[in-house]
Amino acid sequence: MSAAHYENPFIVQSDHTVLVEVDSPRYVEGRDALARFAELVKSPEHVHTYRITPLSIWNACAAGVTVEWIRETLRGLSKYDVPHHVGIEIAEYASRYGRLKLARDRRGLVLSISAAALAEELVRHESVASFLGQRIGPREFLVDPAERGRLK
């Protein structure tokens, strides 16, 4: 391992967790970068744990962060090689961004779906269907505002 990699703060794990060494000289840079696309899980004294999730990637996409920037950040700040599948799965999460939109309009809180086939898939998906209210179009559903967070 080169000295440059030794000073890097990240250890990216195959389960999408990122361990961040607080004592690294690049800690602040790493922490600030991770805040754009990962969720802080715990922050004990020496090693902080972040998790990359579909929601954290969608939020990053909404803020204009690109998949390539995320991949380069992970590679550039990691002590070790980033598991190959992590980069692939980040791209998959990002590809889903925009296919579902939850917005409030005159009708209430409305879930709009980009494709009719995806709308039908969601209706058949038990864990999602329970959050869908009245169907108001082939690709639109009302959503109870109290269920917004759980649906996301």
Protein backbone atom coordinates (compact mmCIF):
# COMPACT_ATOMS: atom_id res chain seq x y z
CA MET A 1 0.00 0.00 0.00
CA SER A 2 1.42 3.41 -0.95
CA ALA A 3 1.80 6.15 1.63
CA ALA A 4 -0.86 8.18 -0.17
CA HIS A 5 -3.42 5.41 0.26
CA TYR A 6 -2.35 4.84 3.86
CA GLU A 7 -3.47 8.39 4.72
CA ASN A 8 -6.88 7.95 3.10
CA PRO A 9 -9.74 7.81 5.62
CA PHE A 10 -12.23 5.43 3.93
CA ILE A 11 -12.66 1.70 4.16
CA VAL A 12 -15.53 0.83 1.81
CA GLN A 13 -17.18 -2.46 2.70
CA SER A 14 -19.20 -4.79 0.51
CA ASP A 15 -22.42 -4.11 2.47
CA HIS A 16 -22.26 -0.41 1.41
CA THR A 17 -20.94 0.81 4.74
CA VAL A 18 -18.03 3.20 4.73
CA LEU A 19 -15.78 3.32 7.78
CA VAL A 20 -14.07 6.70 8.15
CA GLU A 21 -10.97 7.06 10.31
CA VAL A 22 -11.23 10.31 12.27
CA ASP A 23 -7.45 10.56 12.75
CA SER A 24 -6.76 10.59 9.01
CA PRO A 25 -5.30 13.84 7.65
CA ARG A 26 -8.02 13.68 4.96
CA TYR A 27 -10.88 13.10 7.41
CA VAL A 28 -12.58 16.49 6.96
CA GLU A 29 -12.43 16.16 3.17
CA GLY A 30 -13.89 12.64 3.40
CA ARG A 31 -16.61 13.58 5.88
CA ASP A 32 -17.73 16.51 3.75
CA ALA A 33 -17.80 14.39 0.60
CA LEU A 34 -19.72 11.53 2.24
CA ALA A 35 -22.34 13.93 3.56
CA ARG A 36 -23.39 14.46 -0.08
CA PHE A 37 -24.27 10.80 -0.78
CA ALA A 38 -24.27 8.66 2.40
CA GLU A 39 -26.02 8.60 5.76
CA LEU A 40 -24.12 8.81 9.05
CA VAL A 41 -24.96 5.70 11.07
CA LYS A 42 -22.75 6.13 14.12
CA SER A 43 -19.88 8.33 15.19
CA PRO A 44 -17.84 6.95 18.06
CA GLU A 45 -14.51 8.58 18.85
CA HIS A 46 -12.12 7.04 16.29
CA VAL A 47 -14.09 5.52 13.40
CA HIS A 48 -17.35 6.88 12.01
CA THR A 49 -19.71 4.64 10.06
CA TYR A 50 -21.71 5.78 7.04
CA ARG A 51 -24.09 3.79 4.85
CA ILE A 52 -24.81 4.26 1.17
CA THR A 53 -28.51 3.59 0.58
CA PRO A 54 -30.90 3.97 -2.34
CA LEU A 55 -32.41 7.01 -0.61
CA SER A 56 -29.02 8.63 0.03
CA ILE A 57 -28.11 8.17 -3.65
CA TRP A 58 -31.49 9.54 -4.80
CA ASN A 59 -31.00 12.57 -2.56
CA ALA A 60 -27.52 13.03 -4.03
CA CYS A 61 -28.93 12.86 -7.56
CA ALA A 62 -31.57 15.44 -6.64
CA ALA A 63 -28.73 17.73 -5.48
CA GLY A 64 -26.86 17.26 -8.78
CA VAL A 65 -24.22 14.80 -7.60
CA THR A 66 -23.17 12.38 -10.38
CA VAL A 67 -22.46 8.68 -10.13
CA GLU A 68 -18.97 9.23 -11.53
CA TRP A 69 -18.21 11.82 -8.84
CA ILE A 70 -19.36 9.39 -6.13
CA ARG A 71 -17.25 6.56 -7.56
CA GLU A 72 -14.19 8.79 -7.93
CA THR A 73 -14.63 10.09 -4.38
CA LEU A 74 -14.81 6.58 -2.97
CA ARG A 75 -11.77 5.43 -4.98
CA GLY A 76 -9.79 8.57 -4.24
CA LEU A 77 -10.35 8.52 -0.49
CA SER A 78 -10.26 4.78 0.16
CA LYS A 79 -7.35 2.95 1.77
CA TYR A 80 -8.19 -0.21 -0.16
CA ASP A 81 -9.90 -1.11 -3.42
CA VAL A 82 -13.62 -0.36 -3.43
CA PRO A 83 -15.61 -3.59 -3.94
CA HIS A 84 -16.56 -3.61 -7.63
CA HIS A 85 -20.24 -4.35 -7.02
CA VAL A 86 -20.60 -1.27 -4.81
CA GLY A 87 -19.96 1.02 -7.77
CA ILE A 88 -22.36 -0.97 -9.94
CA GLU A 89 -25.10 -0.82 -7.31
CA ILE A 90 -24.62 2.94 -6.82
CA ALA A 91 -25.20 3.35 -10.58
CA GLU A 92 -28.31 1.14 -10.33
CA TYR A 93 -29.70 3.22 -7.45
CA ALA A 94 -29.04 6.42 -9.41
CA SER A 95 -30.73 5.03 -12.53
CA ARG A 96 -33.96 4.77 -10.54
CA TYR A 97 -33.90 8.48 -9.71
CA GLY A 98 -36.80 10.32 -11.31
CA ARG A 99 -38.85 7.22 -12.11
CA LEU A 100 -41.09 7.98 -9.13
CA LYS A 101 -42.01 11.49 -8.04
CA LEU A 102 -43.88 12.44 -4.92
CA ALA A 103 -45.32 15.96 -5.05
CA ARG A 104 -48.14 17.94 -3.55
CA ASP A 105 -50.65 19.56 -5.88
CA ARG A 106 -54.32 20.65 -5.74
CA ARG A 107 -55.35 16.97 -5.41
CA GLY A 108 -53.09 16.31 -2.41
CA LEU A 109 -49.89 14.32 -2.14
CA VAL A 110 -49.49 12.51 -5.47
CA LEU A 111 -47.10 9.73 -6.47
CA SER A 112 -46.41 9.97 -10.22
CA ILE A 113 -44.74 7.03 -11.92
CA SER A 114 -42.76 7.29 -15.17
CA ALA A 115 -44.09 4.10 -16.77
CA ALA A 116 -47.37 2.21 -16.61
CA ALA A 117 -45.54 -1.11 -16.21
CA LEU A 118 -43.72 0.24 -13.14
CA ALA A 119 -47.05 1.46 -11.71
CA GLU A 120 -48.47 -2.04 -12.08
CA GLU A 121 -45.40 -3.54 -10.45
CA LEU A 122 -45.82 -1.24 -7.44
CA VAL A 123 -49.49 -2.17 -7.07
CA ARG A 124 -48.49 -5.85 -6.86
CA HIS A 125 -45.64 -5.19 -4.42
CA GLU A 126 -47.18 -5.82 -0.98
CA SER A 127 -44.84 -3.59 1.02
CA VAL A 128 -45.44 -0.63 -1.33
CA ALA A 129 -49.11 -1.14 -2.22
CA SER A 130 -50.17 -0.59 1.38
CA PHE A 131 -48.92 3.03 1.14
CA LEU A 132 -50.76 3.79 -2.09
CA GLY A 133 -54.11 5.49 -1.75
CA GLN A 134 -56.70 6.05 -4.45
CA ARG A 135 -55.53 5.54 -8.00
CA ILE A 136 -56.19 8.82 -9.84
CA GLY A 137 -54.68 7.91 -13.19
CA PRO A 138 -52.86 5.09 -14.96
CA ARG A 139 -49.57 6.23 -13.40
CA GLU A 140 -50.72 8.28 -10.39
CA PHE A 141 -51.81 7.55 -6.84
CA LEU A 142 -52.83 9.68 -3.90
CA VAL A 143 -50.65 9.11 -0.84
CA ASP A 144 -51.57 9.78 2.78
CA PRO A 145 -49.17 12.55 3.92
CA ALA A 146 -48.61 10.60 7.14
CA GLU A 147 -47.10 7.76 5.07
CA ARG A 148 -44.74 9.96 3.01
CA GLY A 149 -41.57 9.05 4.90
CA ARG A 150 -42.32 5.33 5.00
CA LEU A 151 -43.14 5.27 1.29
CA LYS A 152 -39.86 6.98 0.43
